[in-house]
Each structure stands twice: as C-alpha cells, then as structure tokens.
Amino acid sequence: MDFVKKHKIKIILIFVFVLLMIFTIIGIKQLLYPDARKDLYGHRLDGIEEFAVDNNRLKEVSGKLEKEEKIEKINYNLSGRVINFIVKLDGDVDLITSQSFADKILENFEEDEKKYFDFQVYLINDVEDSEIYPKVGYKHKSSLAFKWTN
C-alpha cells in the first residue's frame, strides 16, 4: 500500500495514458478499415433489381455482335452500374465502322436501362502499328451517345 500512496499521481497518469492509447488504436482502426457490414457501393445500386441485366443477357448481346464479320471476339463485364464490352476487331477496320458496333450494343437495351447503366466499349485489334486503335467509348447514363477517346 505504501507503493500506491507514494506513486499515486504516476499510476493515475499511466492509467489515463493507457486509456488514451486504447481509444486512439480503436479510432485509427475505424478510420483505416471499412465497415464490412455496409454495402460496397452504398446507395448507388438502389433499384438495380428492377432491371434484367445479368451475365446471361450480356452473353446474348455479345453473341449477336460476334456474328458480324469484322468482329473476332467480345468480352463483357458488369460491375455495379457500369457495363463493359471489349470488342476485338478482325484486322484493320475503319473507325466509323468500329464505332457503329457500340451503337449496335445499345440497340439491345431498353431506354430505361440506358438511363440507369453506364456503358464502356473498348475497341482493340491485333495490328501492331495501328494509328487508330485502341479506342475507348464511354456513354454516361444521362448522355445520348458515346464519347470516344484514345
């Protein structure tokens, strides 16, 4: 007991320091690690269950487009509200023809789906020294047509 009486202030300071360290570690953990109970996309995907866009539907769309003679292969991906298509062209195709494939992709979706989802189309080919490709087209849900970049 004499030790406690002699070092009463030191013991209180150590106890307060330990409590501060515990609260600091808890605060840093909450800051650095997200809450696993919350949805990854937050409220951005509200209403997605109203649309019948899934991998089977995207497979149908890519199957229709692969019948085109200038398309070698199409890969697709649905990530949240973004639908990605990677279109591998057969040989050197002119730019206007290749960009029309993006419009053909949109023809397979209804108007309300076009207003909900964003679309990205990547145009690539096997020609090594192509001045045109690769090209990326992006259509935001509020826009009417694709915007193209290199």
Protein backbone atom coordinates (compact mmCIF):
# COMPACT_ATOMS: atom_id res chain seq x y z
CA MET A 1 0.00 0.00 0.00
CA ASP A 2 2.85 2.35 0.62
CA PHE A 3 3.90 1.99 -3.00
CA VAL A 4 0.42 3.04 -4.20
CA LYS A 5 0.31 6.01 -1.83
CA LYS A 6 3.78 7.16 -2.87
CA HIS A 7 3.20 6.84 -6.64
CA LYS A 8 -0.49 7.75 -6.78
CA ILE A 9 -0.04 10.51 -9.42
CA LYS A 10 2.19 8.32 -11.61
CA ILE A 11 -0.30 5.45 -11.50
CA ILE A 12 -3.17 7.77 -12.46
CA LEU A 13 -1.13 9.24 -15.35
CA ILE A 14 -0.20 5.75 -16.62
CA PHE A 15 -3.85 4.65 -16.41
CA VAL A 16 -5.01 7.74 -18.36
CA PHE A 17 -2.24 7.19 -20.94
CA VAL A 18 -3.25 3.55 -21.44
CA LEU A 19 -6.90 4.57 -21.89
CA LEU A 20 -5.92 7.24 -24.44
CA MET A 21 -3.83 4.70 -26.37
CA ILE A 22 -6.73 2.22 -26.47
CA PHE A 23 -9.13 4.88 -27.80
CA THR A 24 -6.51 6.03 -30.33
CA ILE A 25 -6.00 2.48 -31.65
CA ILE A 26 -9.77 1.96 -31.96
CA GLY A 27 -10.14 5.29 -33.78
CA ILE A 28 -7.33 4.53 -36.23
CA LYS A 29 -8.80 1.07 -36.93
CA GLN A 30 -12.21 2.57 -37.73
CA LEU A 31 -10.57 5.16 -39.95
CA LEU A 32 -8.43 2.73 -41.95
CA TYR A 33 -10.67 -0.34 -42.20
CA PRO A 34 -14.13 0.00 -43.75
CA ASP A 35 -17.21 -1.40 -42.11
CA ALA A 36 -17.78 -4.86 -43.58
CA ARG A 37 -21.48 -4.71 -42.70
CA LYS A 38 -22.08 -1.86 -45.15
CA ASP A 39 -22.61 -2.33 -48.88
CA LEU A 40 -19.54 -1.69 -51.05
CA TYR A 41 -21.45 0.63 -53.40
CA GLY A 42 -23.52 2.39 -50.74
CA HIS A 43 -26.87 3.57 -52.16
CA ARG A 44 -25.64 3.83 -55.74
CA LEU A 45 -27.17 0.47 -56.71
CA ASP A 46 -30.65 1.19 -55.39
CA GLY A 47 -33.19 -0.05 -57.93
CA ILE A 48 -30.84 -2.37 -59.84
CA GLU A 49 -33.12 -5.34 -59.14
CA GLU A 50 -35.73 -3.74 -61.45
CA PHE A 51 -33.53 -4.44 -64.48
CA ALA A 52 -32.93 -7.84 -66.04
CA VAL A 53 -29.31 -7.15 -66.97
CA ASP A 54 -27.10 -10.03 -65.89
CA ASN A 55 -24.33 -12.16 -67.39
CA ASN A 56 -26.81 -14.25 -69.41
CA ARG A 57 -28.25 -11.13 -71.02
CA LEU A 58 -24.78 -9.77 -71.77
CA LYS A 59 -23.86 -13.13 -73.29
CA GLU A 60 -26.84 -12.84 -75.66
CA VAL A 61 -25.78 -9.33 -76.70
CA SER A 62 -22.19 -10.41 -77.34
CA GLY A 63 -23.42 -13.47 -79.25
CA LYS A 64 -25.45 -11.27 -81.61
CA LEU A 65 -22.49 -9.00 -82.24
CA GLU A 66 -19.97 -11.79 -82.75
CA LYS A 67 -21.93 -12.75 -85.87
CA GLU A 68 -20.64 -9.57 -87.50
CA GLU A 69 -17.86 -10.38 -89.96
CA LYS A 70 -15.40 -7.76 -88.68
CA ILE A 71 -15.64 -8.75 -85.01
CA GLU A 72 -13.35 -11.52 -83.82
CA LYS A 73 -14.34 -11.74 -80.15
CA ILE A 74 -16.29 -9.83 -77.49
CA ASN A 75 -15.72 -9.93 -73.74
CA TYR A 76 -18.18 -8.34 -71.34
CA ASN A 77 -18.31 -7.41 -67.68
CA LEU A 78 -21.00 -5.99 -65.41
CA SER A 79 -19.61 -4.10 -62.45
CA GLY A 80 -22.22 -2.23 -60.43
CA ARG A 81 -23.90 0.20 -62.81
CA VAL A 82 -21.17 0.02 -65.47
CA ILE A 83 -21.37 -2.42 -68.38
CA ASN A 84 -18.04 -3.01 -70.14
CA PHE A 85 -17.59 -4.54 -73.59
CA ILE A 86 -14.16 -5.33 -75.02
CA VAL A 87 -14.52 -5.72 -78.78
CA LYS A 88 -11.60 -7.40 -80.53
CA LEU A 89 -11.72 -6.50 -84.21
CA ASP A 90 -10.64 -8.78 -87.02
CA GLY A 91 -7.83 -6.97 -88.86
CA ASP A 92 -7.77 -3.26 -89.62
CA VAL A 93 -11.34 -1.90 -89.53
CA ASP A 94 -12.09 1.75 -90.23
CA LEU A 95 -13.04 3.93 -87.27
CA ILE A 96 -16.62 4.73 -88.29
CA THR A 97 -17.49 1.06 -88.76
CA SER A 98 -15.95 0.06 -85.45
CA GLN A 99 -17.73 2.84 -83.56
CA SER A 100 -21.03 1.72 -85.06
CA PHE A 101 -20.62 -1.55 -83.13
CA ALA A 102 -21.09 0.43 -79.91
CA ASP A 103 -24.41 1.72 -81.22
CA LYS A 104 -25.42 -1.85 -82.06
CA ILE A 105 -24.69 -2.79 -78.46
CA LEU A 106 -27.06 -0.07 -77.26
CA GLU A 107 -29.80 -1.30 -79.60
CA ASN A 108 -30.05 -4.42 -77.41
CA PHE A 109 -31.01 -2.44 -74.32
CA GLU A 110 -34.25 -0.69 -73.47
CA GLU A 111 -34.46 3.07 -72.88
CA ASP A 112 -34.85 2.79 -69.11
CA GLU A 113 -31.79 0.52 -68.97
CA LYS A 114 -29.78 3.05 -70.97
CA LYS A 115 -30.82 5.72 -68.47
CA TYR A 116 -29.71 3.60 -65.50
CA PHE A 117 -26.44 1.99 -66.64
CA ASP A 118 -23.18 3.48 -67.92
CA PHE A 119 -21.62 1.75 -70.93
CA GLN A 120 -17.94 1.42 -71.87
CA VAL A 121 -16.74 -0.06 -75.14
CA TYR A 122 -13.07 -0.86 -75.73
CA LEU A 123 -12.13 -1.35 -79.38
CA ILE A 124 -8.90 -3.28 -79.92
CA ASN A 125 -7.25 -5.16 -82.77
CA ASP A 126 -4.16 -7.28 -83.45
CA VAL A 127 -2.47 -4.86 -85.85
CA GLU A 128 0.71 -3.74 -84.07
CA ASP A 129 1.26 -0.34 -85.69
CA SER A 130 -2.35 0.78 -85.77
CA GLU A 131 -2.79 4.54 -85.61
CA ILE A 132 -6.48 4.25 -84.76
CA TYR A 133 -6.68 1.57 -82.08
CA PRO A 134 -7.15 1.08 -79.19
CA LYS A 135 -10.20 3.32 -78.75
CA VAL A 136 -12.44 3.70 -75.73
CA GLY A 137 -16.06 4.80 -75.91
CA TYR A 138 -17.99 5.84 -72.82
CA LYS A 139 -21.69 6.58 -72.51
CA HIS A 140 -22.91 8.08 -69.25
CA LYS A 141 -26.45 7.25 -68.22
CA SER A 142 -27.52 10.85 -68.87
CA SER A 143 -25.92 11.19 -72.32
CA LEU A 144 -27.40 10.05 -75.61
CA ALA A 145 -24.29 8.85 -77.44
CA PHE A 146 -20.78 7.57 -76.83
CA LYS A 147 -17.81 9.88 -76.30
CA TRP A 148 -14.60 8.45 -77.84
CA THR A 149 -11.01 8.77 -76.65
CA ASN A 150 -7.71 7.03 -77.36
